Amino acid sequence: PAFQKGAAEHLPNAEITFDRFHLMKLVNEAVDDVRNGEVLTQPNLKKTRWLWLKNDCNLKVKQKEKLQALLKDQNLKTAQAYQFRLTFQDIFTIKNRHQGATLLKAWLENARTSDLPPIVKVAYTIMNHWDGVLRWFESQITNGILEGFNSLIQSAKAKARGYRTHKNFINMAYLILGKLDLRLPT
């Protein structure tokens, strides 16, 4: 909301794009919320958080086996939420706006009628930002690079426990992000 408000005030002609990373983050949080709610009645879900949130290619063999065993349980709400996650992720591999919109509408209809409140909430959030979400299919814009820069700067700030002046902090940011080679010639 703060970003949207700032963009509206200072860049009134700008069109906001909601990138795939942040949309997937919303869906992942919903899956984890479903798991957290269900773990009290399903003890086999304890310590399985990352099974549901990682991509299949990043899971180890034992993790894949455990995930497959959990997916066979038709009554697990977490497994249903996970299927919503996988389908949503697949939609964002499409480059065509029209085709993406069609698939996303179908996903939203299924999500809204699911008995999974966190998934329903994500569906309504996406509907409320529909134009910005669809704009991603055209632009493919992401702010992942900026997120990475921010992470490096925050890490440097934490290591130093503060800088004496803003100028020193800015110089450190340039030094870190500039990837300068400061080794002496040999």
C-alpha atoms as a PDB file:
ATOM      1  CA  PRO A   1       0.000   0.000   0.000  1.00  0.00           C
ATOM      2  CA  ALA A   2       2.783   2.475   0.775  1.00  0.00           C
ATOM      3  CA  PHE A   3       4.426   1.818  -2.586  1.00  0.00           C
ATOM      4  CA  GLN A   4       1.116   2.229  -4.421  1.00  0.00           C
ATOM      5  CA  LYS A   5       0.347   5.476  -2.592  1.00  0.00           C
ATOM      6  CA  GLY A   6       3.815   6.877  -3.308  1.00  0.00           C
ATOM      7  CA  ALA A   7       3.597   5.916  -6.960  1.00  0.00           C
ATOM      8  CA  ALA A   8       0.157   7.515  -7.284  1.00  0.00           C
ATOM      9  CA  GLU A   9       1.363  10.751  -5.695  1.00  0.00           C
ATOM     10  CA  HIS A  10       4.724  11.118  -7.418  1.00  0.00           C
ATOM     11  CA  LEU A  11       4.213   9.171 -10.652  1.00  0.00           C
ATOM     12  CA  PRO A  12       0.546   9.686 -11.539  1.00  0.00           C
ATOM     13  CA  ASN A  13       0.928   8.298 -15.084  1.00  0.00           C
ATOM     14  CA  ALA A  14       2.783   5.158 -13.997  1.00  0.00           C
ATOM     15  CA  GLU A  15       1.154   1.763 -14.314  1.00  0.00           C
ATOM     16  CA  ILE A  16       1.902  -0.542 -11.415  1.00  0.00           C
ATOM     17  CA  THR A  17       2.891  -4.116 -12.150  1.00  0.00           C
ATOM     18  CA  PHE A  18       2.607  -6.774  -9.479  1.00  0.00           C
ATOM     19  CA  ASP A  19       5.464  -9.145 -10.089  1.00  0.00           C
ATOM     20  CA  ARG A  20       5.370 -12.919  -9.943  1.00  0.00           C
ATOM     21  CA  PHE A  21       7.694 -13.052  -6.929  1.00  0.00           C
ATOM     22  CA  HIS A  22       5.370 -11.079  -4.669  1.00  0.00           C
ATOM     23  CA  LEU A  23       2.270 -12.879  -5.924  1.00  0.00           C
ATOM     24  CA  MET A  24       3.897 -16.254  -5.218  1.00  0.00           C
ATOM     25  CA  LYS A  25       4.859 -14.952  -1.792  1.00  0.00           C
ATOM     26  CA  LEU A  26       1.170 -14.317  -1.052  1.00  0.00           C
ATOM     27  CA  VAL A  27       0.212 -17.813  -2.200  1.00  0.00           C
ATOM     28  CA  ASN A  28       3.067 -19.410  -0.230  1.00  0.00           C
ATOM     29  CA  GLU A  29       1.992 -17.570   2.913  1.00  0.00           C
ATOM     30  CA  ALA A  30      -1.552 -18.840   2.382  1.00  0.00           C
ATOM     31  CA  VAL A  31      -0.318 -22.431   2.013  1.00  0.00           C
ATOM     32  CA  ASP A  32       1.691 -22.062   5.211  1.00  0.00           C
ATOM     33  CA  ASP A  33      -1.314 -20.578   7.026  1.00  0.00           C
ATOM     34  CA  VAL A  34      -3.403 -23.583   5.989  1.00  0.00           C
ATOM     35  CA  ARG A  35      -0.662 -25.927   7.225  1.00  0.00           C
ATOM     36  CA  ASN A  36      -0.363 -24.049  10.527  1.00  0.00           C
ATOM     37  CA  GLY A  37      -4.088 -24.344  11.084  1.00  0.00           C
ATOM     38  CA  GLU A  38      -4.134 -28.021  10.269  1.00  0.00           C
ATOM     39  CA  VAL A  39      -0.991 -29.119  12.108  1.00  0.00           C
ATOM     40  CA  LEU A  40      -2.889 -29.265  15.427  1.00  0.00           C
ATOM     41  CA  THR A  41      -5.180 -32.007  14.139  1.00  0.00           C
ATOM     42  CA  GLN A  42      -2.657 -33.644  11.797  1.00  0.00           C
ATOM     43  CA  PRO A  43       0.591 -34.333  13.704  1.00  0.00           C
ATOM     44  CA  ASN A  44       2.221 -35.756  10.541  1.00  0.00           C
ATOM     45  CA  LEU A  45       2.404 -32.152   9.234  1.00  0.00           C
ATOM     46  CA  LYS A  46       4.865 -31.110  11.925  1.00  0.00           C
ATOM     47  CA  LYS A  47       8.232 -30.031  10.524  1.00  0.00           C
ATOM     48  CA  THR A  48       6.962 -30.135   6.933  1.00  0.00           C
ATOM     49  CA  ARG A  49       6.817 -26.405   6.246  1.00  0.00           C
ATOM     50  CA  TRP A  50       9.497 -26.353   3.539  1.00  0.00           C
ATOM     51  CA  LEU A  51       8.091 -29.416   1.777  1.00  0.00           C
ATOM     52  CA  TRP A  52       5.088 -27.305   0.793  1.00  0.00           C
ATOM     53  CA  LEU A  53       6.951 -24.073   0.029  1.00  0.00           C
ATOM     54  CA  LYS A  54      10.005 -25.210  -1.918  1.00  0.00           C
ATOM     55  CA  ASN A  55       9.927 -26.044  -5.602  1.00  0.00           C
ATOM     56  CA  ASP A  56      10.057 -29.775  -6.278  1.00  0.00           C
ATOM     57  CA  CYS A  57      13.448 -29.499  -7.970  1.00  0.00           C
ATOM     58  CA  ASN A  58      14.934 -28.080  -4.743  1.00  0.00           C
ATOM     59  CA  LEU A  59      13.763 -30.920  -2.512  1.00  0.00           C
ATOM     60  CA  LYS A  60      16.041 -33.745  -1.441  1.00  0.00           C
ATOM     61  CA  VAL A  61      15.026 -37.333  -2.210  1.00  0.00           C
ATOM     62  CA  LYS A  62      13.713 -38.017   1.311  1.00  0.00           C
ATOM     63  CA  GLN A  63      11.753 -34.763   1.251  1.00  0.00           C
ATOM     64  CA  LYS A  64      10.190 -35.676  -2.095  1.00  0.00           C
ATOM     65  CA  GLU A  65       9.177 -39.082  -0.753  1.00  0.00           C
ATOM     66  CA  LYS A  66       7.606 -37.561   2.355  1.00  0.00           C
ATOM     67  CA  LEU A  67       5.755 -34.966   0.276  1.00  0.00           C
ATOM     68  CA  GLN A  68       4.397 -37.648  -2.073  1.00  0.00           C
ATOM     69  CA  ALA A  69       3.191 -39.683   0.910  1.00  0.00           C
ATOM     70  CA  LEU A  70       1.435 -36.631   2.373  1.00  0.00           C
ATOM     71  CA  LEU A  71      -0.160 -35.765  -0.977  1.00  0.00           C
ATOM     72  CA  LYS A  72      -1.838 -39.185  -1.087  1.00  0.00           C
ATOM     73  CA  ASP A  73      -3.973 -38.205   1.920  1.00  0.00           C
ATOM     74  CA  GLN A  74      -7.079 -36.800   0.210  1.00  0.00           C
ATOM     75  CA  ASN A  75      -8.347 -35.193   3.428  1.00  0.00           C
ATOM     76  CA  LEU A  76      -5.371 -32.889   3.983  1.00  0.00           C
ATOM     77  CA  LYS A  77      -6.332 -29.267   3.441  1.00  0.00           C
ATOM     78  CA  THR A  78      -2.635 -28.449   3.161  1.00  0.00           C
ATOM     79  CA  ALA A  79      -2.384 -30.773   0.153  1.00  0.00           C
ATOM     80  CA  GLN A  80      -5.298 -28.932  -1.461  1.00  0.00           C
ATOM     81  CA  ALA A  81      -3.617 -25.570  -0.789  1.00  0.00           C
ATOM     82  CA  TYR A  82      -0.394 -26.977  -2.257  1.00  0.00           C
ATOM     83  CA  GLN A  83      -2.229 -27.905  -5.470  1.00  0.00           C
ATOM     84  CA  PHE A  84      -3.490 -24.305  -5.683  1.00  0.00           C
ATOM     85  CA  ARG A  85       0.120 -23.171  -5.283  1.00  0.00           C
ATOM     86  CA  LEU A  86       1.397 -25.418  -8.076  1.00  0.00           C
ATOM     87  CA  THR A  87      -1.369 -24.363 -10.452  1.00  0.00           C
ATOM     88  CA  PHE A  88      -0.779 -20.688  -9.685  1.00  0.00           C
ATOM     89  CA  GLN A  89       2.942 -21.099 -10.299  1.00  0.00           C
ATOM     90  CA  ASP A  90       2.281 -22.756 -13.663  1.00  0.00           C
ATOM     91  CA  ILE A  91       0.050 -19.884 -14.769  1.00  0.00           C
ATOM     92  CA  PHE A  92       2.974 -17.501 -14.461  1.00  0.00           C
ATOM     93  CA  THR A  93       5.103 -19.483 -16.904  1.00  0.00           C
ATOM     94  CA  ILE A  94       2.808 -18.224 -19.687  1.00  0.00           C
ATOM     95  CA  LYS A  95       3.885 -15.155 -21.619  1.00  0.00           C
ATOM     96  CA  ASN A  96       0.551 -14.316 -23.260  1.00  0.00           C
ATOM     97  CA  ARG A  97      -1.682 -11.847 -21.352  1.00  0.00           C
ATOM     98  CA  HIS A  98      -4.957 -13.173 -22.747  1.00  0.00           C
ATOM     99  CA  GLN A  99      -4.127 -16.800 -22.031  1.00  0.00           C
ATOM    100  CA  GLY A 100      -2.742 -15.872 -18.607  1.00  0.00           C
ATOM    101  CA  ALA A 101      -5.909 -13.918 -17.782  1.00  0.00           C
ATOM    102  CA  THR A 102      -8.109 -16.848 -18.778  1.00  0.00           C
ATOM    103  CA  LEU A 103      -6.180 -19.307 -16.633  1.00  0.00           C
ATOM    104  CA  LEU A 104      -5.955 -16.862 -13.752  1.00  0.00           C
ATOM    105  CA  LYS A 105      -9.737 -16.285 -13.825  1.00  0.00           C
ATOM    106  CA  ALA A 106     -10.307 -20.040 -13.614  1.00  0.00           C
ATOM    107  CA  TRP A 107      -7.830 -20.275 -10.725  1.00  0.00           C
ATOM    108  CA  LEU A 108      -9.578 -17.419  -8.929  1.00  0.00           C
ATOM    109  CA  GLU A 109     -12.984 -19.070  -9.295  1.00  0.00           C
ATOM    110  CA  ASN A 110     -11.664 -22.322  -7.845  1.00  0.00           C
ATOM    111  CA  ALA A 111      -9.803 -20.515  -5.080  1.00  0.00           C
ATOM    112  CA  ARG A 112     -12.804 -18.391  -4.095  1.00  0.00           C
ATOM    113  CA  THR A 113     -15.023 -21.436  -3.756  1.00  0.00           C
ATOM    114  CA  SER A 114     -12.467 -23.480  -1.832  1.00  0.00           C
ATOM    115  CA  ASP A 115     -12.940 -24.103   1.870  1.00  0.00           C
ATOM    116  CA  LEU A 116      -9.485 -22.683   2.540  1.00  0.00           C
ATOM    117  CA  PRO A 117      -9.831 -19.148   4.004  1.00  0.00           C
ATOM    118  CA  PRO A 118      -6.187 -18.118   3.384  1.00  0.00           C
ATOM    119  CA  ILE A 119      -6.482 -19.156  -0.289  1.00  0.00           C
ATOM    120  CA  VAL A 120      -9.818 -17.317  -0.578  1.00  0.00           C
ATOM    121  CA  LYS A 121      -8.163 -14.199   0.875  1.00  0.00           C
ATOM    122  CA  VAL A 122      -5.361 -14.381  -1.723  1.00  0.00           C
ATOM    123  CA  ALA A 123      -7.949 -14.748  -4.483  1.00  0.00           C
ATOM    124  CA  TYR A 124      -9.728 -11.569  -3.382  1.00  0.00           C
ATOM    125  CA  THR A 125      -6.407  -9.725  -3.076  1.00  0.00           C
ATOM    126  CA  ILE A 126      -5.531 -10.654  -6.659  1.00  0.00           C
ATOM    127  CA  MET A 127      -8.984  -9.626  -7.853  1.00  0.00           C
ATOM    128  CA  ASN A 128      -8.565  -6.231  -6.150  1.00  0.00           C
ATOM    129  CA  HIS A 129      -5.296  -5.683  -8.050  1.00  0.00           C
ATOM    130  CA  TRP A 130      -6.377  -7.333 -11.293  1.00  0.00           C
ATOM    131  CA  ASP A 131      -4.949  -4.813 -13.786  1.00  0.00           C
ATOM    132  CA  GLY A 132      -1.544  -4.733 -12.089  1.00  0.00           C
ATOM    133  CA  VAL A 133      -1.406  -8.527 -11.928  1.00  0.00           C
ATOM    134  CA  LEU A 134      -2.274  -8.889 -15.613  1.00  0.00           C
ATOM    135  CA  ARG A 135       0.255  -6.220 -16.546  1.00  0.00           C
ATOM    136  CA  TRP A 136       2.988  -8.667 -15.498  1.00  0.00           C
ATOM    137  CA  PHE A 137       2.141 -10.918 -18.458  1.00  0.00           C
ATOM    138  CA  GLU A 138       3.011  -8.052 -20.822  1.00  0.00           C
ATOM    139  CA  SER A 139       5.967  -6.465 -19.094  1.00  0.00           C
ATOM    140  CA  GLN A 140       7.545  -9.388 -17.191  1.00  0.00           C
ATOM    141  CA  ILE A 141       8.925  -6.658 -14.911  1.00  0.00           C
ATOM    142  CA  THR A 142      10.259  -7.735 -11.556  1.00  0.00           C
ATOM    143  CA  ASN A 143      12.033  -5.856  -8.821  1.00  0.00           C
ATOM    144  CA  GLY A 144      14.103  -8.877  -7.813  1.00  0.00           C
ATOM    145  CA  ILE A 145      17.369  -7.053  -8.529  1.00  0.00           C
ATOM    146  CA  LEU A 146      16.351  -4.190  -6.255  1.00  0.00           C
ATOM    147  CA  GLU A 147      15.337  -6.661  -3.555  1.00  0.00           C
ATOM    148  CA  GLY A 148      18.792  -8.222  -3.819  1.00  0.00           C
ATOM    149  CA  PHE A 149      20.490  -4.829  -3.596  1.00  0.00           C
ATOM    150  CA  ASN A 150      18.396  -3.953  -0.565  1.00  0.00           C
ATOM    151  CA  SER A 151      19.359  -7.222   1.105  1.00  0.00           C
ATOM    152  CA  LEU A 152      23.077  -6.511   0.608  1.00  0.00           C
ATOM    153  CA  ILE A 153      22.769  -2.960   1.914  1.00  0.00           C
ATOM    154  CA  GLN A 154      20.766  -4.037   4.975  1.00  0.00           C
ATOM    155  CA  SER A 155      23.377  -6.695   5.704  1.00  0.00           C
ATOM    156  CA  ALA A 156      26.188  -4.123   5.507  1.00  0.00           C
ATOM    157  CA  LYS A 157      24.220  -1.782   7.754  1.00  0.00           C
ATOM    158  CA  ALA A 158      23.736  -4.513  10.344  1.00  0.00           C
ATOM    159  CA  LYS A 159      27.409  -5.531  10.285  1.00  0.00           C
ATOM    160  CA  ALA A 160      28.595  -1.980  10.856  1.00  0.00           C
ATOM    161  CA  ARG A 161      25.950  -1.304  13.526  1.00  0.00           C
ATOM    162  CA  GLY A 162      25.439   2.099  11.964  1.00  0.00           C
ATOM    163  CA  TYR A 163      27.535   4.635  10.099  1.00  0.00           C
ATOM    164  CA  ARG A 164      28.745   7.962  11.420  1.00  0.00           C
ATOM    165  CA  THR A 165      27.263   9.922   8.504  1.00  0.00           C
ATOM    166  CA  HIS A 166      24.835   9.375   5.649  1.00  0.00           C
ATOM    167  CA  LYS A 167      27.696  10.026   3.241  1.00  0.00           C
ATOM    168  CA  ASN A 168      29.670   7.095   4.693  1.00  0.00           C
ATOM    169  CA  PHE A 169      26.635   4.841   4.370  1.00  0.00           C
ATOM    170  CA  ILE A 170      26.089   5.871   0.734  1.00  0.00           C
ATOM    171  CA  ASN A 171      29.778   5.299  -0.046  1.00  0.00           C
ATOM    172  CA  MET A 172      29.576   1.831   1.517  1.00  0.00           C
ATOM    173  CA  ALA A 173      26.511   1.048  -0.612  1.00  0.00           C
ATOM    174  CA  TYR A 174      28.407   2.042  -3.766  1.00  0.00           C
ATOM    175  CA  LEU A 175      31.386  -0.038  -2.665  1.00  0.00           C
ATOM    176  CA  ILE A 176      29.294  -3.156  -2.008  1.00  0.00           C
ATOM    177  CA  LEU A 177      26.990  -2.899  -5.008  1.00  0.00           C
ATOM    178  CA  GLY A 178      29.682  -1.720  -7.411  1.00  0.00           C
ATOM    179  CA  LYS A 179      31.542  -5.029  -7.054  1.00  0.00           C
ATOM    180  CA  LEU A 180      34.861  -3.264  -7.297  1.00  0.00           C
ATOM    181  CA  ASP A 181      37.993  -5.379  -7.302  1.00  0.00           C
ATOM    182  CA  LEU A 182      40.122  -3.846  -4.558  1.00  0.00           C
ATOM    183  CA  ARG A 183      42.879  -6.442  -4.544  1.00  0.00           C
ATOM    184  CA  LEU A 184      46.396  -5.144  -4.934  1.00  0.00           C
ATOM    185  CA  PRO A 185      48.139  -6.135  -8.160  1.00  0.00           C
ATOM    186  CA  THR A 186      50.494  -9.067  -7.745  1.00  0.00           C
END
